Amino acid sequence: MTKTTRNHIAKEKIACVSLCSVIVIFVLLYLYFLSASIVHVVIRKEINQDMVSVHTSISELETEYIDAQHNVSDQIALLEGYAPVTDKVFIDRSNPSLVLSDNLAQ
């Protein structure tokens, strides 16, 4: 073998080894990014479940707040002297009054 063929074989060996190492690095990077994306999907699902539970607890607290607010309003009204109404009449047209009249000139 001549010196030029030895140099050519050496260059091919170096190129082959470097290409194989690049392929191995790319395979390892692919596996890393694949596992990282799976971990992120699992974490996202857990966060969504936590968000649902937080929204549920907020809704329950809002319901308790509204009930407490109505109780306080009723207590304040009773302290002011108002009485609860049992018979509700919205409009009564039996006796015309100044506000509710037929506007007929007599």
PDB file of N, CA and C in Angstrom:
ATOM      1  N   MET A   1       0.825  -1.173   0.000  1.00  0.00           N
ATOM      2  CA  MET A   1       0.000   0.000   0.000  1.00  0.00           C
ATOM      3  C   MET A   1       0.877   1.246   0.000  1.00  0.00           C
ATOM      4  N   THR A   2       0.392   2.150  -0.692  1.00  0.00           N
ATOM      5  CA  THR A   2       1.151   3.391  -0.764  1.00  0.00           C
ATOM      6  C   THR A   2       0.689   4.332   0.337  1.00  0.00           C
ATOM      7  N   LYS A   3       1.462   5.379   0.485  1.00  0.00           N
ATOM      8  CA  LYS A   3       1.181   6.359   1.544  1.00  0.00           C
ATOM      9  C   LYS A   3      -0.139   7.090   1.298  1.00  0.00           C
ATOM     10  N   THR A   4      -0.479   7.355   0.064  1.00  0.00           N
ATOM     11  CA  THR A   4      -1.722   8.078  -0.233  1.00  0.00           C
ATOM     12  C   THR A   4      -2.943   7.211   0.061  1.00  0.00           C
ATOM     13  N   THR A   5      -2.859   5.912  -0.207  1.00  0.00           N
ATOM     14  CA  THR A   5      -4.000   5.049   0.106  1.00  0.00           C
ATOM     15  C   THR A   5      -4.167   4.894   1.606  1.00  0.00           C
ATOM     16  N   ARG A   6      -3.037   4.868   2.359  1.00  0.00           N
ATOM     17  CA  ARG A   6      -3.119   4.796   3.825  1.00  0.00           C
ATOM     18  C   ARG A   6      -3.766   6.076   4.379  1.00  0.00           C
ATOM     19  N   ASN A   7      -3.394   7.183   3.842  1.00  0.00           N
ATOM     20  CA  ASN A   7      -3.996   8.458   4.277  1.00  0.00           C
ATOM     21  C   ASN A   7      -5.483   8.494   3.937  1.00  0.00           C
ATOM     22  N   HIS A   8      -5.800   7.980   2.775  1.00  0.00           N
ATOM     23  CA  HIS A   8      -7.203   7.950   2.362  1.00  0.00           C
ATOM     24  C   HIS A   8      -8.015   7.025   3.279  1.00  0.00           C
ATOM     25  N   ILE A   9      -7.475   5.855   3.630  1.00  0.00           N
ATOM     26  CA  ILE A   9      -8.158   4.903   4.538  1.00  0.00           C
ATOM     27  C   ILE A   9      -8.275   5.523   5.927  1.00  0.00           C
ATOM     28  N   ALA A  10      -7.241   6.198   6.386  1.00  0.00           N
ATOM     29  CA  ALA A  10      -7.273   6.847   7.706  1.00  0.00           C
ATOM     30  C   ALA A  10      -8.345   7.938   7.742  1.00  0.00           C
ATOM     31  N   LYS A  11      -8.442   8.717   6.667  1.00  0.00           N
ATOM     32  CA  LYS A  11      -9.470   9.758   6.605  1.00  0.00           C
ATOM     33  C   LYS A  11     -10.869   9.150   6.588  1.00  0.00           C
ATOM     34  N   GLU A  12     -11.023   8.036   5.876  1.00  0.00           N
ATOM     35  CA  GLU A  12     -12.330   7.369   5.853  1.00  0.00           C
ATOM     36  C   GLU A  12     -12.691   6.808   7.221  1.00  0.00           C
ATOM     37  N   LYS A  13     -11.700   6.263   7.946  1.00  0.00           N
ATOM     38  CA  LYS A  13     -11.949   5.748   9.300  1.00  0.00           C
ATOM     39  C   LYS A  13     -12.377   6.885  10.226  1.00  0.00           C
ATOM     40  N   ILE A  14     -11.678   8.006  10.124  1.00  0.00           N
ATOM     41  CA  ILE A  14     -12.015   9.166  10.961  1.00  0.00           C
ATOM     42  C   ILE A  14     -13.422   9.658  10.620  1.00  0.00           C
ATOM     43  N   ALA A  15     -13.738   9.707   9.334  1.00  0.00           N
ATOM     44  CA  ALA A  15     -15.066  10.156   8.923  1.00  0.00           C
ATOM     45  C   ALA A  15     -16.135   9.174   9.392  1.00  0.00           C
ATOM     46  N   CYS A  16     -15.877   7.902   9.296  1.00  0.00           N
ATOM     47  CA  CYS A  16     -16.839   6.889   9.720  1.00  0.00           C
ATOM     48  C   CYS A  16     -17.066   6.941  11.231  1.00  0.00           C
ATOM     49  N   VAL A  17     -15.983   7.045  11.993  1.00  0.00           N
ATOM     50  CA  VAL A  17     -16.109   7.127  13.451  1.00  0.00           C
ATOM     51  C   VAL A  17     -16.848   8.399  13.857  1.00  0.00           C
ATOM     52  N   SER A  18     -16.523   9.513  13.231  1.00  0.00           N
ATOM     53  CA  SER A  18     -17.199  10.761  13.597  1.00  0.00           C
ATOM     54  C   SER A  18     -18.672  10.726  13.201  1.00  0.00           C
ATOM     55  N   LEU A  19     -19.006  10.146  12.042  1.00  0.00           N
ATOM     56  CA  LEU A  19     -20.413  10.033  11.654  1.00  0.00           C
ATOM     57  C   LEU A  19     -21.183   9.089  12.581  1.00  0.00           C
ATOM     58  N   CYS A  20     -20.559   8.008  12.982  1.00  0.00           N
ATOM     59  CA  CYS A  20     -21.212   7.083  13.927  1.00  0.00           C
ATOM     60  C   CYS A  20     -21.435   7.754  15.280  1.00  0.00           C
ATOM     61  N   SER A  21     -20.439   8.536  15.731  1.00  0.00           N
ATOM     62  CA  SER A  21     -20.610   9.233  17.009  1.00  0.00           C
ATOM     63  C   SER A  21     -21.701  10.300  16.900  1.00  0.00           C
ATOM     64  N   VAL A  22     -21.804  10.973  15.768  1.00  0.00           N
ATOM     65  CA  VAL A  22     -22.880  11.954  15.572  1.00  0.00           C
ATOM     66  C   VAL A  22     -24.239  11.262  15.582  1.00  0.00           C
ATOM     67  N   ILE A  23     -24.340  10.096  14.948  1.00  0.00           N
ATOM     68  CA  ILE A  23     -25.596   9.340  14.951  1.00  0.00           C
ATOM     69  C   ILE A  23     -25.965   8.930  16.368  1.00  0.00           C
ATOM     70  N   VAL A  24     -24.991   8.460  17.132  1.00  0.00           N
ATOM     71  CA  VAL A  24     -25.255   8.067  18.535  1.00  0.00           C
ATOM     72  C   VAL A  24     -25.705   9.279  19.346  1.00  0.00           C
ATOM     73  N   ILE A  25     -25.071  10.419  19.139  1.00  0.00           N
ATOM     74  CA  ILE A  25     -25.464  11.639  19.865  1.00  0.00           C
ATOM     75  C   ILE A  25     -26.891  12.040  19.498  1.00  0.00           C
ATOM     76  N   PHE A  26     -27.224  11.958  18.204  1.00  0.00           N
ATOM     77  CA  PHE A  26     -28.583  12.301  17.788  1.00  0.00           C
ATOM     78  C   PHE A  26     -29.617  11.334  18.365  1.00  0.00           C
ATOM     79  N   VAL A  27     -29.308  10.060  18.437  1.00  0.00           N
ATOM     80  CA  VAL A  27     -30.227   9.079  19.022  1.00  0.00           C
ATOM     81  C   VAL A  27     -30.425   9.383  20.505  1.00  0.00           C
ATOM     82  N   LEU A  28     -29.341   9.684  21.197  1.00  0.00           N
ATOM     83  CA  LEU A  28     -29.453  10.017  22.623  1.00  0.00           C
ATOM     84  C   LEU A  28     -30.257  11.302  22.835  1.00  0.00           C
ATOM     85  N   LEU A  29     -30.043  12.302  21.992  1.00  0.00           N
ATOM     86  CA  LEU A  29     -30.820  13.539  22.099  1.00  0.00           C
ATOM     87  C   LEU A  29     -32.302  13.280  21.816  1.00  0.00           C
ATOM     88  N   TYR A  30     -32.578  12.441  20.829  1.00  0.00           N
ATOM     89  CA  TYR A  30     -33.972  12.092  20.523  1.00  0.00           C
ATOM     90  C   TYR A  30     -34.638  11.421  21.713  1.00  0.00           C
ATOM     91  N   LEU A  31     -33.961  10.469  22.332  1.00  0.00           N
ATOM     92  CA  LEU A  31     -34.529   9.780  23.500  1.00  0.00           C
ATOM     93  C   LEU A  31     -34.732  10.745  24.667  1.00  0.00           C
ATOM     94  N   TYR A  32     -33.792  11.660  24.862  1.00  0.00           N
ATOM     95  CA  TYR A  32     -33.937  12.645  25.937  1.00  0.00           C
ATOM     96  C   TYR A  32     -35.157  13.541  25.717  1.00  0.00           C
ATOM     97  N   PHE A  33     -35.290  14.090  24.509  1.00  0.00           N
ATOM     98  CA  PHE A  33     -36.411  14.984  24.234  1.00  0.00           C
ATOM     99  C   PHE A  33     -37.746  14.247  24.247  1.00  0.00           C
ATOM    100  N   LEU A  34     -37.745  12.983  23.828  1.00  0.00           N
ATOM    101  CA  LEU A  34     -38.965  12.185  23.882  1.00  0.00           C
ATOM    102  C   LEU A  34     -39.403  11.963  25.326  1.00  0.00           C
ATOM    103  N   SER A  35     -38.476  11.594  26.197  1.00  0.00           N
ATOM    104  CA  SER A  35     -38.825  11.392  27.607  1.00  0.00           C
ATOM    105  C   SER A  35     -39.225  12.710  28.267  1.00  0.00           C
ATOM    106  N   ALA A  36     -38.567  13.810  27.896  1.00  0.00           N
ATOM    107  CA  ALA A  36     -38.924  15.118  28.459  1.00  0.00           C
ATOM    108  C   ALA A  36     -40.329  15.520  28.055  1.00  0.00           C
ATOM    109  N   SER A  37     -40.708  15.250  26.817  1.00  0.00           N
ATOM    110  CA  SER A  37     -42.068  15.607  26.384  1.00  0.00           C
ATOM    111  C   SER A  37     -43.109  14.743  27.102  1.00  0.00           C
ATOM    112  N   ILE A  38     -42.814  13.486  27.347  1.00  0.00           N
ATOM    113  CA  ILE A  38     -43.746  12.622  28.088  1.00  0.00           C
ATOM    114  C   ILE A  38     -43.908  13.133  29.508  1.00  0.00           C
ATOM    115  N   VAL A  39     -42.802  13.516  30.134  1.00  0.00           N
ATOM    116  CA  VAL A  39     -42.872  14.056  31.498  1.00  0.00           C
ATOM    117  C   VAL A  39     -43.700  15.334  31.521  1.00  0.00           C
ATOM    118  N   HIS A  40     -43.537  16.193  30.529  1.00  0.00           N
ATOM    119  CA  HIS A  40     -44.298  17.439  30.491  1.00  0.00           C
ATOM    120  C   HIS A  40     -45.788  17.183  30.282  1.00  0.00           C
ATOM    121  N   VAL A  41     -46.146  16.170  29.495  1.00  0.00           N
ATOM    122  CA  VAL A  41     -47.563  15.840  29.310  1.00  0.00           C
ATOM    123  C   VAL A  41     -48.168  15.360  30.624  1.00  0.00           C
ATOM    124  N   VAL A  42     -47.445  14.532  31.357  1.00  0.00           N
ATOM    125  CA  VAL A  42     -47.948  14.036  32.639  1.00  0.00           C
ATOM    126  C   VAL A  42     -48.097  15.186  33.633  1.00  0.00           C
ATOM    127  N   ILE A  43     -47.120  16.070  33.673  1.00  0.00           N
ATOM    128  CA  ILE A  43     -47.194  17.219  34.585  1.00  0.00           C
ATOM    129  C   ILE A  43     -48.373  18.113  34.213  1.00  0.00           C
ATOM    130  N   ARG A  44     -48.614  18.308  32.922  1.00  0.00           N
ATOM    131  CA  ARG A  44     -49.736  19.142  32.477  1.00  0.00           C
ATOM    132  C   ARG A  44     -51.071  18.538  32.897  1.00  0.00           C
ATOM    133  N   LYS A  45     -51.204  17.212  32.792  1.00  0.00           N
ATOM    134  CA  LYS A  45     -52.444  16.571  33.221  1.00  0.00           C
ATOM    135  C   LYS A  45     -52.658  16.741  34.719  1.00  0.00           C
ATOM    136  N   GLU A  46     -51.597  16.619  35.505  1.00  0.00           N
ATOM    137  CA  GLU A  46     -51.717  16.818  36.949  1.00  0.00           C
ATOM    138  C   GLU A  46     -52.105  18.257  37.272  1.00  0.00           C
ATOM    139  N   ILE A  47     -51.538  19.210  36.553  1.00  0.00           N
ATOM    140  CA  ILE A  47     -51.877  20.622  36.781  1.00  0.00           C
ATOM    141  C   ILE A  47     -53.335  20.873  36.431  1.00  0.00           C
ATOM    142  N   ASN A  48     -53.817  20.274  35.350  1.00  0.00           N
ATOM    143  CA  ASN A  48     -55.233  20.439  34.985  1.00  0.00           C
ATOM    144  C   ASN A  48     -56.147  19.870  36.063  1.00  0.00           C
ATOM    145  N   GLN A  49     -55.793  18.718  36.640  1.00  0.00           N
ATOM    146  CA  GLN A  49     -56.592  18.150  37.718  1.00  0.00           C
ATOM    147  C   GLN A  49     -56.571  19.061  38.943  1.00  0.00           C
ATOM    148  N   ASP A  50     -55.404  19.634  39.254  1.00  0.00           N
ATOM    149  CA  ASP A  50     -55.322  20.568  40.379  1.00  0.00           C
ATOM    150  C   ASP A  50     -56.168  21.811  40.120  1.00  0.00           C
ATOM    151  N   MET A  51     -56.165  22.300  38.877  1.00  0.00           N
ATOM    152  CA  MET A  51     -56.972  23.477  38.544  1.00  0.00           C
ATOM    153  C   MET A  51     -58.461  23.180  38.714  1.00  0.00           C
ATOM    154  N   VAL A  52     -58.890  21.994  38.318  1.00  0.00           N
ATOM    155  CA  VAL A  52     -60.302  21.630  38.470  1.00  0.00           C
ATOM    156  C   VAL A  52     -60.671  21.586  39.943  1.00  0.00           C
ATOM    157  N   SER A  53     -59.809  21.003  40.775  1.00  0.00           N
ATOM    158  CA  SER A  53     -60.131  20.937  42.199  1.00  0.00           C
ATOM    159  C   SER A  53     -60.135  22.324  42.833  1.00  0.00           C
ATOM    160  N   VAL A  54     -59.245  23.209  42.400  1.00  0.00           N
ATOM    161  CA  VAL A  54     -59.233  24.579  42.934  1.00  0.00           C
ATOM    162  C   VAL A  54     -60.488  25.331  42.507  1.00  0.00           C
ATOM    163  N   HIS A  55     -60.903  25.169  41.242  1.00  0.00           N
ATOM    164  CA  HIS A  55     -62.127  25.826  40.774  1.00  0.00           C
ATOM    165  C   HIS A  55     -63.350  25.299  41.539  1.00  0.00           C
ATOM    166  N   THR A  56     -63.359  24.008  41.856  1.00  0.00           N
ATOM    167  CA  THR A  56     -64.457  23.443  42.629  1.00  0.00           C
ATOM    168  C   THR A  56     -64.498  24.042  44.023  1.00  0.00           C
ATOM    169  N   SER A  57     -63.355  24.133  44.665  1.00  0.00           N
ATOM    170  CA  SER A  57     -63.336  24.711  46.017  1.00  0.00           C
ATOM    171  C   SER A  57     -63.708  26.191  45.984  1.00  0.00           C
ATOM    172  N   ILE A  58     -63.305  26.917  44.949  1.00  0.00           N
ATOM    173  CA  ILE A  58     -63.695  28.329  44.826  1.00  0.00           C
ATOM    174  C   ILE A  58     -65.205  28.444  44.671  1.00  0.00           C
ATOM    175  N   SER A  59     -65.806  27.568  43.873  1.00  0.00           N
ATOM    176  CA  SER A  59     -67.264  27.597  43.699  1.00  0.00           C
ATOM    177  C   SER A  59     -67.977  27.312  45.014  1.00  0.00           C
ATOM    178  N   GLU A  60     -67.474  26.365  45.783  1.00  0.00           N
ATOM    179  CA  GLU A  60     -68.085  26.067  47.078  1.00  0.00           C
ATOM    180  C   GLU A  60     -67.959  27.257  48.027  1.00  0.00           C
ATOM    181  N   LEU A  61     -66.805  27.904  48.021  1.00  0.00           N
ATOM    182  CA  LEU A  61     -66.617  29.077  48.878  1.00  0.00           C
ATOM    183  C   LEU A  61     -67.510  30.235  48.446  1.00  0.00           C
ATOM    184  N   GLU A  62     -67.697  30.410  47.139  1.00  0.00           N
ATOM    185  CA  GLU A  62     -68.597  31.464  46.666  1.00  0.00           C
ATOM    186  C   GLU A  62     -70.030  31.183  47.099  1.00  0.00           C
ATOM    187  N   THR A  63     -70.440  29.910  47.070  1.00  0.00           N
ATOM    188  CA  THR A  63     -71.785  29.554  47.521  1.00  0.00           C
ATOM    189  C   THR A  63     -71.956  29.871  49.001  1.00  0.00           C
ATOM    190  N   GLU A  64     -70.956  29.516  49.809  1.00  0.00           N
ATOM    191  CA  GLU A  64     -71.021  29.841  51.239  1.00  0.00           C
ATOM    192  C   GLU A  64     -71.062  31.354  51.454  1.00  0.00           C
ATOM    193  N   TYR A  65     -70.311  32.103  50.661  1.00  0.00           N
ATOM    194  CA  TYR A  65     -70.290  33.553  50.789  1.00  0.00           C
ATOM    195  C   TYR A  65     -71.656  34.150  50.463  1.00  0.00           C
ATOM    196  N   ILE A  66     -72.284  33.682  49.398  1.00  0.00           N
ATOM    197  CA  ILE A  66     -73.596  34.199  49.015  1.00  0.00           C
ATOM    198  C   ILE A  66     -74.624  33.880  50.089  1.00  0.00           C
ATOM    199  N   ASP A  67     -74.593  32.648  50.635  1.00  0.00           N
ATOM    200  CA  ASP A  67     -75.516  32.298  51.718  1.00  0.00           C
ATOM    201  C   ASP A  67     -75.297  33.183  52.938  1.00  0.00           C
ATOM    202  N   ALA A  68     -74.043  33.414  53.307  1.00  0.00           N
ATOM    203  CA  ALA A  68     -73.750  34.272  54.456  1.00  0.00           C
ATOM    204  C   ALA A  68     -74.201  35.703  54.190  1.00  0.00           C
ATOM    205  N   GLN A  69     -74.033  36.163  52.969  1.00  0.00           N
ATOM    206  CA  GLN A  69     -74.449  37.520  52.623  1.00  0.00           C
ATOM    207  C   GLN A  69     -75.965  37.672  52.736  1.00  0.00           C
ATOM    208  N   HIS A  70     -76.715  36.667  52.286  1.00  0.00           N
ATOM    209  CA  HIS A  70     -78.171  36.727  52.398  1.00  0.00           C
ATOM    210  C   HIS A  70     -78.609  36.680  53.866  1.00  0.00           C
ATOM    211  N   ASN A  71     -77.929  35.877  54.665  1.00  0.00           N
ATOM    212  CA  ASN A  71     -78.270  35.820  56.091  1.00  0.00           C
ATOM    213  C   ASN A  71     -78.011  37.156  56.760  1.00  0.00           C
ATOM    214  N   VAL A  72     -76.907  37.795  56.439  1.00  0.00           N
ATOM    215  CA  VAL A  72     -76.596  39.098  57.028  1.00  0.00           C
ATOM    216  C   VAL A  72     -77.618  40.130  56.570  1.00  0.00           C
ATOM    217  N   SER A  73     -78.011  40.100  55.295  1.00  0.00           N
ATOM    218  CA  SER A  73     -79.006  41.049  54.790  1.00  0.00           C
ATOM    219  C   SER A  73     -80.346  40.862  55.499  1.00  0.00           C
ATOM    220  N   ASP A  74     -80.763  39.625  55.704  1.00  0.00           N
ATOM    221  CA  ASP A  74     -82.017  39.366  56.421  1.00  0.00           C
ATOM    222  C   ASP A  74     -81.938  39.856  57.856  1.00  0.00           C
ATOM    223  N   GLN A  75     -80.800  39.634  58.513  1.00  0.00           N
ATOM    224  CA  GLN A  75     -80.655  40.079  59.907  1.00  0.00           C
ATOM    225  C   GLN A  75     -80.665  41.600  59.996  1.00  0.00           C
ATOM    226  N   ILE A  76     -80.020  42.258  59.059  1.00  0.00           N
ATOM    227  CA  ILE A  76     -80.016  43.731  59.069  1.00  0.00           C
ATOM    228  C   ILE A  76     -81.426  44.255  58.822  1.00  0.00           C
ATOM    229  N   ALA A  77     -82.155  43.643  57.924  1.00  0.00           N
ATOM    230  CA  ALA A  77     -83.524  44.079  57.652  1.00  0.00           C
ATOM    231  C   ALA A  77     -84.405  43.892  58.880  1.00  0.00           C
ATOM    232  N   LEU A  78     -84.255  42.803  59.599  1.00  0.00           N
ATOM    233  CA  LEU A  78     -85.053  42.589  60.809  1.00  0.00           C
ATOM    234  C   LEU A  78     -84.678  43.604  61.890  1.00  0.00           C
ATOM    235  N   LEU A  79     -83.404  43.968  61.985  1.00  0.00           N
ATOM    236  CA  LEU A  79     -82.991  44.963  62.968  1.00  0.00           C
ATOM    237  C   LEU A  79     -83.542  46.342  62.621  1.00  0.00           C
ATOM    238  N   GLU A  80     -83.734  46.631  61.338  1.00  0.00           N
ATOM    239  CA  GLU A  80     -84.269  47.916  60.909  1.00  0.00           C
ATOM    240  C   GLU A  80     -85.771  48.006  61.140  1.00  0.00           C
ATOM    241  N   GLY A  81     -86.413  46.903  61.433  1.00  0.00           N
ATOM    242  CA  GLY A  81     -87.837  46.925  61.707  1.00  0.00           C
ATOM    243  C   GLY A  81     -88.693  46.381  60.588  1.00  0.00           C
ATOM    244  N   TYR A  82     -88.094  45.866  59.563  1.00  0.00           N
ATOM    245  CA  TYR A  82     -88.864  45.280  58.473  1.00  0.00           C
ATOM    246  C   TYR A  82     -89.363  43.903  58.877  1.00  0.00           C
ATOM    247  N   ALA A  83     -90.522  43.536  58.346  1.00  0.00           N
ATOM    248  CA  ALA A  83     -91.104  42.222  58.646  1.00  0.00           C
ATOM    249  C   ALA A  83     -91.153  41.405  57.364  1.00  0.00           C
ATOM    250  N   PRO A  84     -91.021  40.121  57.474  1.00  0.00           N
ATOM    251  CA  PRO A  84     -91.096  39.290  56.267  1.00  0.00           C
ATOM    252  C   PRO A  84     -92.508  39.299  55.685  1.00  0.00           C
ATOM    253  N   VAL A  85     -92.600  39.313  54.378  1.00  0.00           N
ATOM    254  CA  VAL A  85     -93.880  39.352  53.685  1.00  0.00           C
ATOM    255  C   VAL A  85     -94.237  37.931  53.278  1.00  0.00           C
ATOM    256  N   THR A  86     -95.462  37.528  53.640  1.00  0.00           N
ATOM    257  CA  THR A  86     -95.883  36.176  53.272  1.00  0.00           C
ATOM    258  C   THR A  86     -96.771  36.197  52.037  1.00  0.00           C
ATOM    259  N   ASP A  87     -97.623  37.212  51.906  1.00  0.00           N
ATOM    260  CA  ASP A  87     -98.531  37.296  50.763  1.00  0.00           C
ATOM    261  C   ASP A  87     -98.026  38.395  49.837  1.00  0.00           C
ATOM    262  N   LYS A  88     -97.566  38.012  48.689  1.00  0.00           N
ATOM    263  CA  LYS A  88     -97.002  38.982  47.757  1.00  0.00           C
ATOM    264  C   LYS A  88     -98.032  39.335  46.691  1.00  0.00           C
ATOM    265  N   VAL A  89     -98.299  40.639  46.538  1.00  0.00           N
ATOM    266  CA  VAL A  89     -99.190  41.140  45.507  1.00  0.00           C
ATOM    267  C   VAL A  89     -98.376  42.125  44.680  1.00  0.00           C
ATOM    268  N   PHE A  90     -98.281  41.868  43.409  1.00  0.00           N
ATOM    269  CA  PHE A  90     -97.445  42.715  42.569  1.00  0.00           C
ATOM    270  C   PHE A  90     -98.234  43.915  42.050  1.00  0.00           C
ATOM    271  N   ILE A  91     -99.427  43.701  41.526  1.00  0.00           N
ATOM    272  CA  ILE A  91    -100.268  44.798  41.032  1.00  0.00           C
ATOM    273  C   ILE A  91    -101.698  44.505  41.454  1.00  0.00           C
ATOM    274  N   ASP A  92    -102.321  45.514  42.017  1.00  0.00           N
ATOM    275  CA  ASP A  92    -103.723  45.377  42.431  1.00  0.00           C
ATOM    276  C   ASP A  92    -104.488  46.514  41.773  1.00  0.00           C
ATOM    277  N   ARG A  93    -105.377  46.208  40.834  1.00  0.00           N
ATOM    278  CA  ARG A  93    -106.110  47.228  40.097  1.00  0.00           C
ATOM    279  C   ARG A  93    -107.533  47.414  40.635  1.00  0.00           C
ATOM    280  N   SER A  94    -107.819  46.948  41.809  1.00  0.00           N
ATOM    281  CA  SER A  94    -109.185  47.057  42.319  1.00  0.00           C
ATOM    282  C   SER A  94    -109.546  48.506  42.661  1.00  0.00           C
ATOM    283  N   ASN A  95    -108.701  49.259  43.268  1.00  0.00           N
ATOM    284  CA  ASN A  95    -108.936  50.650  43.636  1.00  0.00           C
ATOM    285  C   ASN A  95    -107.938  51.540  42.895  1.00  0.00           C
ATOM    286  N   PRO A  96    -108.389  52.319  41.942  1.00  0.00           N
ATOM    287  CA  PRO A  96    -107.421  53.183  41.256  1.00  0.00           C
ATOM    288  C   PRO A  96    -106.909  54.266  42.201  1.00  0.00           C
ATOM    289  N   SER A  97    -105.660  54.537  42.099  1.00  0.00           N
ATOM    290  CA  SER A  97    -105.046  55.577  42.931  1.00  0.00           C
ATOM    291  C   SER A  97    -104.472  56.643  42.005  1.00  0.00           C
ATOM    292  N   LEU A  98    -103.789  57.586  42.603  1.00  0.00           N
ATOM    293  CA  LEU A  98    -103.227  58.670  41.811  1.00  0.00           C
ATOM    294  C   LEU A  98    -102.173  58.135  40.837  1.00  0.00           C
ATOM    295  N   VAL A  99    -101.403  57.202  41.285  1.00  0.00           N
ATOM    296  CA  VAL A  99    -100.344  56.641  40.436  1.00  0.00           C
ATOM    297  C   VAL A  99    -100.913  55.718  39.382  1.00  0.00           C
ATOM    298  N   LEU A 100    -101.890  54.910  39.808  1.00  0.00           N
ATOM    299  CA  LEU A 100    -102.474  53.940  38.895  1.00  0.00           C
ATOM    300  C   LEU A 100    -103.901  54.374  38.606  1.00  0.00           C
ATOM    301  N   SER A 101    -104.063  55.172  37.590  1.00  0.00           N
ATOM    302  CA  SER A 101    -105.396  55.656  37.250  1.00  0.00           C
ATOM    303  C   SER A 101    -105.610  55.482  35.761  1.00  0.00           C
ATOM    304  N   ASP A 102    -106.892  55.693  35.361  1.00  0.00           N
ATOM    305  CA  ASP A 102    -107.208  55.530  33.957  1.00  0.00           C
ATOM    306  C   ASP A 102    -106.993  56.826  33.163  1.00  0.00           C
ATOM    307  N   ASN A 103    -106.593  57.885  33.849  1.00  0.00           N
ATOM    308  CA  ASN A 103    -106.362  59.189  33.248  1.00  0.00           C
ATOM    309  C   ASN A 103    -107.617  59.701  32.501  1.00  0.00           C
ATOM    310  N   LEU A 104    -108.767  59.471  33.078  1.00  0.00           N
ATOM    311  CA  LEU A 104    -110.018  59.955  32.485  1.00  0.00           C
ATOM    312  C   LEU A 104    -110.371  61.279  33.128  1.00  0.00           C
ATOM    313  N   ALA A 105    -110.672  62.223  32.315  1.00  0.00           N
ATOM    314  CA  ALA A 105    -111.075  63.535  32.838  1.00  0.00           C
ATOM    315  C   ALA A 105    -112.521  63.459  33.280  1.00  0.00           C
ATOM    316  N   GLN A 106    -112.772  63.878  34.492  1.00  0.00           N
ATOM    317  CA  GLN A 106    -114.145  63.798  35.027  1.00  0.00           C
ATOM    318  C   GLN A 106    -114.796  65.127  35.081  1.00  0.00           C
TER     319      GLN A 106
END
